[in-house]
């Protein structure tokens, strides 16, 4: 009978040895979960403050300069293009510079437009490429080193090929 009573005593000793190991594992898991929750809270509050700072800065409204209608013959015989162009510029100062140099700018745009083929202008990619080319030409006339100093975008408000 002594042997029967010894086995439960050994079982309770091994159970006591397993409990500290299990306790350490549970504590580590709790610390990991709490650490992740704390990091998540910090991350969420940190991102909100950044977005609030961005929203707090007043956005300057864009400035647009509207050009007169352009009507040109394309390189293709008997095909004409009529388009209205608006230039997005950095500020009013650039808009005034465009108005002061309008004859040069219109000349360069007319030459650029009349040097096109109908097939090139049929796709939106072709129109975007033409807009980029016009932007480069206008910025050359303005002596702007980059689009941020002069014309930043060319917008076609009407585009008719006949």
Protein backbone atom coordinates (compact mmCIF):
# COMPACT_ATOMS: atom_id res chain seq x y z
CA UNK A 1 0.00 0.00 0.00
CA UNK A 2 2.89 2.27 0.44
CA UNK A 3 3.55 2.17 -3.25
CA UNK A 4 -0.02 3.29 -4.04
CA UNK A 5 0.27 6.31 -1.76
CA UNK A 6 3.65 7.29 -3.22
CA UNK A 7 2.33 7.63 -6.79
CA UNK A 8 -0.19 10.37 -5.97
CA UNK A 9 2.56 12.22 -4.08
CA UNK A 10 4.84 12.05 -7.14
CA UNK A 11 1.98 13.20 -9.36
CA UNK A 12 1.33 16.24 -7.19
CA UNK A 13 5.07 17.09 -7.20
CA UNK A 14 5.25 16.92 -11.02
CA UNK A 15 2.02 18.96 -11.25
CA UNK A 16 3.61 21.59 -8.99
CA UNK A 17 6.70 21.65 -11.23
CA UNK A 18 4.54 22.11 -14.37
CA UNK A 19 2.50 24.94 -12.81
CA UNK A 20 5.45 27.42 -12.62
CA UNK A 21 6.28 26.71 -16.26
CA UNK A 22 2.65 27.17 -17.25
CA UNK A 23 2.46 30.32 -15.14
CA UNK A 24 5.50 31.81 -16.94
CA UNK A 25 3.96 31.00 -20.34
CA UNK A 26 0.63 32.61 -19.37
CA UNK A 27 2.39 35.74 -18.06
CA UNK A 28 4.42 36.05 -21.27
CA UNK A 29 1.29 35.72 -23.40
CA UNK A 30 -0.50 38.37 -21.34
CA UNK A 31 2.48 40.74 -21.68
CA UNK A 32 2.61 40.20 -25.45
CA UNK A 33 -1.13 40.90 -25.80
CA UNK A 34 -0.92 44.02 -23.62
CA UNK A 35 2.16 45.25 -25.49
CA UNK A 36 0.42 44.78 -28.84
CA UNK A 37 -2.65 46.62 -27.56
CA UNK A 38 -0.51 49.47 -26.26
CA UNK A 39 1.34 49.74 -29.56
CA UNK A 40 -1.96 49.68 -31.46
CA UNK A 41 -3.33 52.50 -29.30
CA UNK A 42 -0.16 54.57 -29.77
CA UNK A 43 -0.15 53.95 -33.52
CA UNK A 44 -3.81 54.95 -33.93
CA UNK A 45 -3.47 58.14 -31.87
CA UNK A 46 -0.21 59.05 -33.62
CA UNK A 47 -1.79 58.73 -37.09
CA UNK A 48 -4.79 60.85 -36.09
CA UNK A 49 -2.58 63.70 -34.96
CA UNK A 50 -0.65 63.59 -38.28
CA UNK A 51 -3.85 63.67 -40.33
CA UNK A 52 -5.21 66.50 -38.18
CA UNK A 53 -2.03 68.50 -38.80
CA UNK A 54 -2.40 67.99 -42.56
CA UNK A 55 -6.08 68.98 -42.43
CA UNK A 56 -5.27 72.04 -40.33
CA UNK A 57 -2.99 73.50 -43.03
CA UNK A 58 -5.10 75.60 -45.39
CA UNK A 59 -4.88 74.41 -48.97
CA UNK A 60 -4.29 77.17 -51.47
CA UNK A 61 -6.83 77.02 -54.26
CA UNK A 62 -5.41 76.28 -57.71
CA UNK A 63 -4.99 79.12 -60.18
CA UNK A 64 -6.12 78.61 -63.77
CA UNK A 65 -5.40 80.69 -66.87
CA UNK A 66 -7.89 80.21 -69.70
CA UNK A 67 -6.54 80.55 -73.23
CA UNK A 68 -8.58 81.48 -76.30
CA UNK A 69 -9.86 78.73 -78.61
CA UNK A 70 -7.30 77.15 -80.95
CA UNK A 71 -8.35 76.01 -84.44
CA UNK A 72 -5.63 74.39 -86.57
CA UNK A 73 -5.23 72.01 -89.49
CA UNK A 74 -3.58 68.75 -88.52
CA UNK A 75 -0.89 67.06 -90.59
CA UNK A 76 -3.58 64.82 -92.05
CA UNK A 77 -5.13 66.44 -95.17
CA UNK A 78 -8.58 67.92 -94.59
CA UNK A 79 -8.58 67.27 -90.82
CA UNK A 80 -8.93 70.16 -88.38
CA UNK A 81 -8.64 70.39 -84.60
CA UNK A 82 -10.51 72.86 -82.44
CA UNK A 83 -9.62 72.92 -78.76
CA UNK A 84 -9.91 75.05 -75.68
CA UNK A 85 -6.99 74.94 -73.26
CA UNK A 86 -6.74 75.96 -69.62
CA UNK A 87 -3.36 76.12 -67.88
CA UNK A 88 -3.01 75.26 -64.20
CA UNK A 89 -0.34 77.54 -62.71
CA UNK A 90 1.36 77.99 -59.36
CA UNK A 91 -0.02 81.43 -58.52
CA UNK A 92 -1.44 84.66 -59.92
CA UNK A 93 2.06 85.94 -60.65
CA UNK A 94 2.62 83.12 -63.17
CA UNK A 95 -0.83 83.78 -64.64
CA UNK A 96 0.14 87.41 -65.22
CA UNK A 97 3.42 86.30 -66.84
CA UNK A 98 1.43 84.09 -69.22
CA UNK A 99 -0.81 87.00 -70.20
CA UNK A 100 2.23 89.21 -70.78
CA UNK A 101 3.80 86.64 -73.14
CA UNK A 102 0.57 85.42 -74.74
CA UNK A 103 1.60 85.94 -78.40
CA UNK A 104 4.69 83.72 -77.96
CA UNK A 105 2.75 81.12 -76.01
CA UNK A 106 -0.10 80.98 -78.56
CA UNK A 107 2.43 80.69 -81.40
CA UNK A 108 4.22 77.75 -79.75
CA UNK A 109 0.93 76.00 -78.96
CA UNK A 110 -0.35 76.49 -82.52
CA UNK A 111 2.85 75.03 -83.93
CA UNK A 112 2.62 72.09 -81.51
CA UNK A 113 -1.02 71.41 -82.36
CA UNK A 114 -0.58 71.66 -86.13
CA UNK A 115 2.29 69.17 -85.97
CA UNK A 116 -0.03 66.35 -84.83
CA UNK A 117 -1.72 63.44 -86.63
CA UNK A 118 -5.36 62.53 -86.06
CA UNK A 119 -4.43 58.97 -85.04
CA UNK A 120 -2.11 60.27 -82.32
CA UNK A 121 -4.85 62.41 -80.80
CA UNK A 122 -7.60 59.77 -80.89
CA UNK A 123 -6.51 58.13 -77.64
CA UNK A 124 -6.43 59.70 -74.20
CA UNK A 125 -2.73 58.78 -73.96
CA UNK A 126 -2.08 60.84 -77.09
CA UNK A 127 -3.93 63.82 -75.62
CA UNK A 128 -1.99 63.50 -72.36
CA UNK A 129 1.28 63.41 -74.29
CA UNK A 130 0.26 66.52 -76.22
CA UNK A 131 -0.62 68.24 -72.93
CA UNK A 132 2.85 67.41 -71.57
CA UNK A 133 4.49 68.77 -74.72
CA UNK A 134 2.49 72.00 -74.50
CA UNK A 135 3.40 72.35 -70.82
CA UNK A 136 7.12 72.03 -71.67
CA UNK A 137 6.82 74.63 -74.44
CA UNK A 138 4.96 77.14 -72.27
CA UNK A 139 7.42 76.66 -69.40
CA UNK A 140 10.28 77.34 -71.85
CA UNK A 141 8.69 80.65 -72.82
CA UNK A 142 8.20 81.48 -69.12
CA UNK A 143 11.77 80.35 -68.40
CA UNK A 144 10.42 78.14 -65.60
CA UNK A 145 12.92 75.53 -64.48
CA UNK A 146 10.22 73.08 -63.35
CA UNK A 147 6.43 72.71 -63.55
CA UNK A 148 6.17 73.81 -59.91
CA UNK A 149 7.53 77.23 -60.95
CA UNK A 150 5.31 77.68 -64.02
CA UNK A 151 2.57 75.65 -65.65
CA UNK A 152 1.92 72.43 -63.74
CA UNK A 153 -0.86 71.01 -65.92
CA UNK A 154 -2.49 71.56 -69.30
CA UNK A 155 -6.23 70.92 -69.32
CA UNK A 156 -8.22 70.44 -72.51
CA UNK A 157 -11.70 71.80 -71.82
CA UNK A 158 -12.85 71.14 -75.40
CA UNK A 159 -11.31 68.87 -78.03
CA UNK A 160 -12.94 68.44 -81.43
CA UNK A 161 -11.35 66.76 -84.47
CA UNK A 162 -13.22 67.11 -87.79
